[in-house]
Amino acid sequence: MAKHLKLQHSESVVLTAASQIYAAYITSGKVSDGDEDKMMAKSIREAIKLAVATDEAIISDAELS
């Protein structure tokens, strides 16, 4: 595993959302021993899906010509 990470801002935002989703899974008891990697991957996919849906729904000032 890499010792140093350099995430882009958008990656950091998705990481934050994925972490919150994963924590909710843990808190609700949906992460069992040996199932962590699967649930982390699911959390990341869901965070990306949320980010894409948000990007499609909102036009930010920087996107206006």
PDB file of N, CA and C in Angstrom:
ATOM      1  N   MET A   1       0.836  -1.174   0.000  1.00  0.00           N
ATOM      2  CA  MET A   1       0.000   0.000   0.000  1.00  0.00           C
ATOM      3  C   MET A   1       0.888   1.245   0.000  1.00  0.00           C
ATOM      4  N   ALA A   2       0.440   2.281  -0.686  1.00  0.00           N
ATOM      5  CA  ALA A   2       1.203   3.520  -0.787  1.00  0.00           C
ATOM      6  C   ALA A   2       1.316   4.204   0.575  1.00  0.00           C
ATOM      7  N   LYS A   3       2.478   4.769   0.845  1.00  0.00           N
ATOM      8  CA  LYS A   3       2.681   5.473   2.103  1.00  0.00           C
ATOM      9  C   LYS A   3       2.163   6.904   2.028  1.00  0.00           C
ATOM     10  N   HIS A   4       2.184   7.482   0.839  1.00  0.00           N
ATOM     11  CA  HIS A   4       1.760   8.870   0.662  1.00  0.00           C
ATOM     12  C   HIS A   4       0.683   8.935  -0.403  1.00  0.00           C
ATOM     13  N   LEU A   5      -0.369   9.657  -0.104  1.00  0.00           N
ATOM     14  CA  LEU A   5      -1.451   9.840  -1.069  1.00  0.00           C
ATOM     15  C   LEU A   5      -1.544  11.305  -1.447  1.00  0.00           C
ATOM     16  N   LYS A   6      -1.838  11.559  -2.696  1.00  0.00           N
ATOM     17  CA  LYS A   6      -2.106  12.920  -3.166  1.00  0.00           C
ATOM     18  C   LYS A   6      -3.418  12.867  -3.919  1.00  0.00           C
ATOM     19  N   LEU A   7      -4.500  13.126  -3.191  1.00  0.00           N
ATOM     20  CA  LEU A   7      -5.823  13.076  -3.802  1.00  0.00           C
ATOM     21  C   LEU A   7      -6.189  14.433  -4.388  1.00  0.00           C
ATOM     22  N   GLN A   8      -6.844  14.394  -5.521  1.00  0.00           N
ATOM     23  CA  GLN A   8      -7.415  15.605  -6.088  1.00  0.00           C
ATOM     24  C   GLN A   8      -8.610  16.002  -5.232  1.00  0.00           C
ATOM     25  N   HIS A   9      -9.049  17.264  -5.338  1.00  0.00           N
ATOM     26  CA  HIS A   9     -10.163  17.740  -4.514  1.00  0.00           C
ATOM     27  C   HIS A   9     -11.410  16.879  -4.702  1.00  0.00           C
ATOM     28  N   SER A  10     -11.758  16.571  -5.951  1.00  0.00           N
ATOM     29  CA  SER A  10     -12.962  15.773  -6.193  1.00  0.00           C
ATOM     30  C   SER A  10     -12.832  14.374  -5.594  1.00  0.00           C
ATOM     31  N   GLU A  11     -11.636  13.816  -5.604  1.00  0.00           N
ATOM     32  CA  GLU A  11     -11.410  12.510  -4.992  1.00  0.00           C
ATOM     33  C   GLU A  11     -11.592  12.589  -3.474  1.00  0.00           C
ATOM     34  N   SER A  12     -11.130  13.670  -2.888  1.00  0.00           N
ATOM     35  CA  SER A  12     -11.292  13.863  -1.451  1.00  0.00           C
ATOM     36  C   SER A  12     -12.754  13.979  -1.062  1.00  0.00           C
ATOM     37  N   VAL A  13     -13.527  14.658  -1.898  1.00  0.00           N
ATOM     38  CA  VAL A  13     -14.955  14.810  -1.630  1.00  0.00           C
ATOM     39  C   VAL A  13     -15.653  13.451  -1.697  1.00  0.00           C
ATOM     40  N   VAL A  14     -15.324  12.657  -2.705  1.00  0.00           N
ATOM     41  CA  VAL A  14     -15.916  11.322  -2.831  1.00  0.00           C
ATOM     42  C   VAL A  14     -15.460  10.441  -1.672  1.00  0.00           C
ATOM     43  N   LEU A  15     -14.192  10.543  -1.261  1.00  0.00           N
ATOM     44  CA  LEU A  15     -13.697   9.786  -0.118  1.00  0.00           C
ATOM     45  C   LEU A  15     -14.488  10.125   1.139  1.00  0.00           C
ATOM     46  N   THR A  16     -14.764  11.395   1.352  1.00  0.00           N
ATOM     47  CA  THR A  16     -15.531  11.808   2.527  1.00  0.00           C
ATOM     48  C   THR A  16     -16.918  11.181   2.508  1.00  0.00           C
ATOM     49  N   ALA A  17     -17.591  11.247   1.365  1.00  0.00           N
ATOM     50  CA  ALA A  17     -18.929  10.650   1.259  1.00  0.00           C
ATOM     51  C   ALA A  17     -18.859   9.139   1.441  1.00  0.00           C
ATOM     52  N   ALA A  18     -17.894   8.491   0.812  1.00  0.00           N
ATOM     53  CA  ALA A  18     -17.754   7.037   0.932  1.00  0.00           C
ATOM     54  C   ALA A  18     -17.481   6.635   2.380  1.00  0.00           C
ATOM     55  N   SER A  19     -16.672   7.416   3.073  1.00  0.00           N
ATOM     56  CA  SER A  19     -16.375   7.136   4.476  1.00  0.00           C
ATOM     57  C   SER A  19     -17.628   7.227   5.331  1.00  0.00           C
ATOM     58  N   GLN A  20     -18.450   8.217   5.059  1.00  0.00           N
ATOM     59  CA  GLN A  20     -19.692   8.368   5.815  1.00  0.00           C
ATOM     60  C   GLN A  20     -20.660   7.220   5.528  1.00  0.00           C
ATOM     61  N   ILE A  21     -20.737   6.813   4.276  1.00  0.00           N
ATOM     62  CA  ILE A  21     -21.593   5.682   3.898  1.00  0.00           C
ATOM     63  C   ILE A  21     -21.086   4.406   4.576  1.00  0.00           C
ATOM     64  N   TYR A  22     -19.778   4.173   4.506  1.00  0.00           N
ATOM     65  CA  TYR A  22     -19.185   2.978   5.112  1.00  0.00           C
ATOM     66  C   TYR A  22     -19.401   2.971   6.623  1.00  0.00           C
ATOM     67  N   ALA A  23     -19.223   4.120   7.256  1.00  0.00           N
ATOM     68  CA  ALA A  23     -19.445   4.214   8.703  1.00  0.00           C
ATOM     69  C   ALA A  23     -20.894   3.890   9.050  1.00  0.00           C
ATOM     70  N   ALA A  24     -21.820   4.325   8.207  1.00  0.00           N
ATOM     71  CA  ALA A  24     -23.232   4.015   8.452  1.00  0.00           C
ATOM     72  C   ALA A  24     -23.481   2.512   8.341  1.00  0.00           C
ATOM     73  N   TYR A  25     -22.841   1.869   7.373  1.00  0.00           N
ATOM     74  CA  TYR A  25     -22.959   0.412   7.248  1.00  0.00           C
ATOM     75  C   TYR A  25     -22.416  -0.282   8.497  1.00  0.00           C
ATOM     76  N   ILE A  26     -21.274   0.183   8.980  1.00  0.00           N
ATOM     77  CA  ILE A  26     -20.683  -0.416  10.180  1.00  0.00           C
ATOM     78  C   ILE A  26     -21.619  -0.225  11.369  1.00  0.00           C
ATOM     79  N   THR A  27     -22.097   0.989  11.555  1.00  0.00           N
ATOM     80  CA  THR A  27     -22.972   1.310  12.688  1.00  0.00           C
ATOM     81  C   THR A  27     -24.257   0.493  12.668  1.00  0.00           C
ATOM     82  N   SER A  28     -24.765   0.255  11.462  1.00  0.00           N
ATOM     83  CA  SER A  28     -26.025  -0.492  11.350  1.00  0.00           C
ATOM     84  C   SER A  28     -25.818  -2.006  11.369  1.00  0.00           C
ATOM     85  N   GLY A  29     -24.568  -2.438  11.504  1.00  0.00           N
ATOM     86  CA  GLY A  29     -24.275  -3.859  11.603  1.00  0.00           C
ATOM     87  C   GLY A  29     -24.258  -4.601  10.282  1.00  0.00           C
ATOM     88  N   LYS A  30     -24.143  -3.875   9.174  1.00  0.00           N
ATOM     89  CA  LYS A  30     -24.157  -4.515   7.858  1.00  0.00           C
ATOM     90  C   LYS A  30     -22.780  -4.941   7.370  1.00  0.00           C
ATOM     91  N   VAL A  31     -21.725  -4.665   8.144  1.00  0.00           N
ATOM     92  CA  VAL A  31     -20.369  -5.064   7.769  1.00  0.00           C
ATOM     93  C   VAL A  31     -19.937  -6.183   8.719  1.00  0.00           C
ATOM     94  N   SER A  32     -19.831  -7.387   8.175  1.00  0.00           N
ATOM     95  CA  SER A  32     -19.403  -8.519   8.996  1.00  0.00           C
ATOM     96  C   SER A  32     -17.918  -8.781   8.761  1.00  0.00           C
ATOM     97  N   ASP A  33     -17.321  -9.540   9.659  1.00  0.00           N
ATOM     98  CA  ASP A  33     -15.901  -9.882   9.539  1.00  0.00           C
ATOM     99  C   ASP A  33     -15.649 -10.569   8.201  1.00  0.00           C
ATOM    100  N   GLY A  34     -14.620 -10.103   7.501  1.00  0.00           N
ATOM    101  CA  GLY A  34     -14.273 -10.667   6.208  1.00  0.00           C
ATOM    102  C   GLY A  34     -15.014 -10.023   5.053  1.00  0.00           C
ATOM    103  N   ASP A  35     -15.960  -9.149   5.356  1.00  0.00           N
ATOM    104  CA  ASP A  35     -16.788  -8.510   4.332  1.00  0.00           C
ATOM    105  C   ASP A  35     -16.423  -7.034   4.150  1.00  0.00           C
ATOM    106  N   GLU A  36     -15.372  -6.590   4.817  1.00  0.00           N
ATOM    107  CA  GLU A  36     -15.023  -5.170   4.825  1.00  0.00           C
ATOM    108  C   GLU A  36     -14.694  -4.628   3.435  1.00  0.00           C
ATOM    109  N   ASP A  37     -13.856  -5.346   2.686  1.00  0.00           N
ATOM    110  CA  ASP A  37     -13.460  -4.857   1.360  1.00  0.00           C
ATOM    111  C   ASP A  37     -14.666  -4.712   0.433  1.00  0.00           C
ATOM    112  N   LYS A  38     -15.556  -5.674   0.485  1.00  0.00           N
ATOM    113  CA  LYS A  38     -16.771  -5.633  -0.349  1.00  0.00           C
ATOM    114  C   LYS A  38     -17.631  -4.414   0.011  1.00  0.00           C
ATOM    115  N   MET A  39     -17.786  -4.173   1.302  1.00  0.00           N
ATOM    116  CA  MET A  39     -18.630  -3.060   1.727  1.00  0.00           C
ATOM    117  C   MET A  39     -17.949  -1.710   1.485  1.00  0.00           C
ATOM    118  N   MET A  40     -16.609  -1.663   1.586  1.00  0.00           N
ATOM    119  CA  MET A  40     -15.897  -0.424   1.244  1.00  0.00           C
ATOM    120  C   MET A  40     -16.087  -0.111  -0.237  1.00  0.00           C
ATOM    121  N   ALA A  41     -15.928  -1.125  -1.082  1.00  0.00           N
ATOM    122  CA  ALA A  41     -16.107  -0.932  -2.524  1.00  0.00           C
ATOM    123  C   ALA A  41     -17.534  -0.479  -2.834  1.00  0.00           C
ATOM    124  N   LYS A  42     -18.506  -1.070  -2.158  1.00  0.00           N
ATOM    125  CA  LYS A  42     -19.904  -0.667  -2.350  1.00  0.00           C
ATOM    126  C   LYS A  42     -20.097   0.790  -1.932  1.00  0.00           C
ATOM    127  N   SER A  43     -19.501   1.184  -0.826  1.00  0.00           N
ATOM    128  CA  SER A  43     -19.605   2.561  -0.344  1.00  0.00           C
ATOM    129  C   SER A  43     -19.006   3.543  -1.345  1.00  0.00           C
ATOM    130  N   ILE A  44     -17.872   3.180  -1.927  1.00  0.00           N
ATOM    131  CA  ILE A  44     -17.221   4.037  -2.926  1.00  0.00           C
ATOM    132  C   ILE A  44     -18.102   4.166  -4.162  1.00  0.00           C
ATOM    133  N   ARG A  45     -18.650   3.039  -4.646  1.00  0.00           N
ATOM    134  CA  ARG A  45     -19.539   3.084  -5.820  1.00  0.00           C
ATOM    135  C   ARG A  45     -20.743   3.978  -5.554  1.00  0.00           C
ATOM    136  N   GLU A  46     -21.312   3.865  -4.365  1.00  0.00           N
ATOM    137  CA  GLU A  46     -22.473   4.674  -4.030  1.00  0.00           C
ATOM    138  C   GLU A  46     -22.110   6.154  -3.923  1.00  0.00           C
ATOM    139  N   ALA A  47     -20.941   6.461  -3.378  1.00  0.00           N
ATOM    140  CA  ALA A  47     -20.496   7.853  -3.285  1.00  0.00           C
ATOM    141  C   ALA A  47     -20.263   8.440  -4.670  1.00  0.00           C
ATOM    142  N   ILE A  48     -19.685   7.655  -5.573  1.00  0.00           N
ATOM    143  CA  ILE A  48     -19.476   8.121  -6.949  1.00  0.00           C
ATOM    144  C   ILE A  48     -20.817   8.356  -7.633  1.00  0.00           C
ATOM    145  N   LYS A  49     -21.753   7.436  -7.428  1.00  0.00           N
ATOM    146  CA  LYS A  49     -23.088   7.581  -8.016  1.00  0.00           C
ATOM    147  C   LYS A  49     -23.750   8.864  -7.521  1.00  0.00           C
ATOM    148  N   LEU A  50     -23.616   9.157  -6.240  1.00  0.00           N
ATOM    149  CA  LEU A  50     -24.159  10.403  -5.687  1.00  0.00           C
ATOM    150  C   LEU A  50     -23.466  11.625  -6.292  1.00  0.00           C
ATOM    151  N   ALA A  51     -22.139  11.552  -6.451  1.00  0.00           N
ATOM    152  CA  ALA A  51     -21.394  12.672  -7.014  1.00  0.00           C
ATOM    153  C   ALA A  51     -21.801  12.941  -8.460  1.00  0.00           C
ATOM    154  N   VAL A  52     -21.960  11.885  -9.241  1.00  0.00           N
ATOM    155  CA  VAL A  52     -22.367  12.036 -10.647  1.00  0.00           C
ATOM    156  C   VAL A  52     -23.780  12.612 -10.727  1.00  0.00           C
ATOM    157  N   ALA A  53     -24.689  12.101  -9.909  1.00  0.00           N
ATOM    158  CA  ALA A  53     -26.067  12.606  -9.914  1.00  0.00           C
ATOM    159  C   ALA A  53     -26.107  14.075  -9.510  1.00  0.00           C
ATOM    160  N   THR A  54     -25.288  14.448  -8.542  1.00  0.00           N
ATOM    161  CA  THR A  54     -25.220  15.842  -8.107  1.00  0.00           C
ATOM    162  C   THR A  54     -24.673  16.717  -9.222  1.00  0.00           C
ATOM    163  N   ASP A  55     -23.608  16.255  -9.880  1.00  0.00           N
ATOM    164  CA  ASP A  55     -23.002  17.016 -10.982  1.00  0.00           C
ATOM    165  C   ASP A  55     -23.992  17.226 -12.116  1.00  0.00           C
ATOM    166  N   GLU A  56     -24.806  16.216 -12.396  1.00  0.00           N
ATOM    167  CA  GLU A  56     -25.790  16.326 -13.469  1.00  0.00           C
ATOM    168  C   GLU A  56     -26.963  17.231 -13.082  1.00  0.00           C
ATOM    169  N   ALA A  57     -27.271  17.316 -11.803  1.00  0.00           N
ATOM    170  CA  ALA A  57     -28.424  18.086 -11.341  1.00  0.00           C
ATOM    171  C   ALA A  57     -28.123  19.566 -11.125  1.00  0.00           C
ATOM    172  N   ILE A  58     -26.852  19.894 -10.920  1.00  0.00           N
ATOM    173  CA  ILE A  58     -26.494  21.269 -10.556  1.00  0.00           C
ATOM    174  C   ILE A  58     -25.505  21.827 -11.565  1.00  0.00           C
ATOM    175  N   ILE A  59     -25.758  23.050 -11.999  1.00  0.00           N
ATOM    176  CA  ILE A  59     -24.801  23.777 -12.838  1.00  0.00           C
ATOM    177  C   ILE A  59     -24.150  24.834 -11.948  1.00  0.00           C
ATOM    178  N   SER A  60     -22.874  24.673 -11.689  1.00  0.00           N
ATOM    179  CA  SER A  60     -22.168  25.626 -10.829  1.00  0.00           C
ATOM    180  C   SER A  60     -21.777  26.868 -11.618  1.00  0.00           C
ATOM    181  N   ASP A  61     -21.418  27.912 -10.910  1.00  0.00           N
ATOM    182  CA  ASP A  61     -21.018  29.163 -11.544  1.00  0.00           C
ATOM    183  C   ASP A  61     -19.847  28.960 -12.501  1.00  0.00           C
ATOM    184  N   ALA A  62     -18.921  28.088 -12.143  1.00  0.00           N
ATOM    185  CA  ALA A  62     -17.737  27.842 -12.972  1.00  0.00           C
ATOM    186  C   ALA A  62     -18.082  27.154 -14.282  1.00  0.00           C
ATOM    187  N   GLU A  63     -19.246  26.497 -14.349  1.00  0.00           N
ATOM    188  CA  GLU A  63     -19.650  25.800 -15.571  1.00  0.00           C
ATOM    189  C   GLU A  63     -20.403  26.688 -16.539  1.00  0.00           C
ATOM    190  N   LEU A  64     -20.774  27.882 -16.086  1.00  0.00           N
ATOM    191  CA  LEU A  64     -21.479  28.811 -16.973  1.00  0.00           C
ATOM    192  C   LEU A  64     -20.485  29.521 -17.870  1.00  0.00           C
ATOM    193  N   SER A  65     -20.896  29.744 -19.119  1.00  0.00           N
ATOM    194  CA  SER A  65     -19.963  30.413 -20.046  1.00  0.00           C
ATOM    195  C   SER A  65     -20.096  31.908 -20.009  1.00  0.00           C
TER     196      SER A  65
END
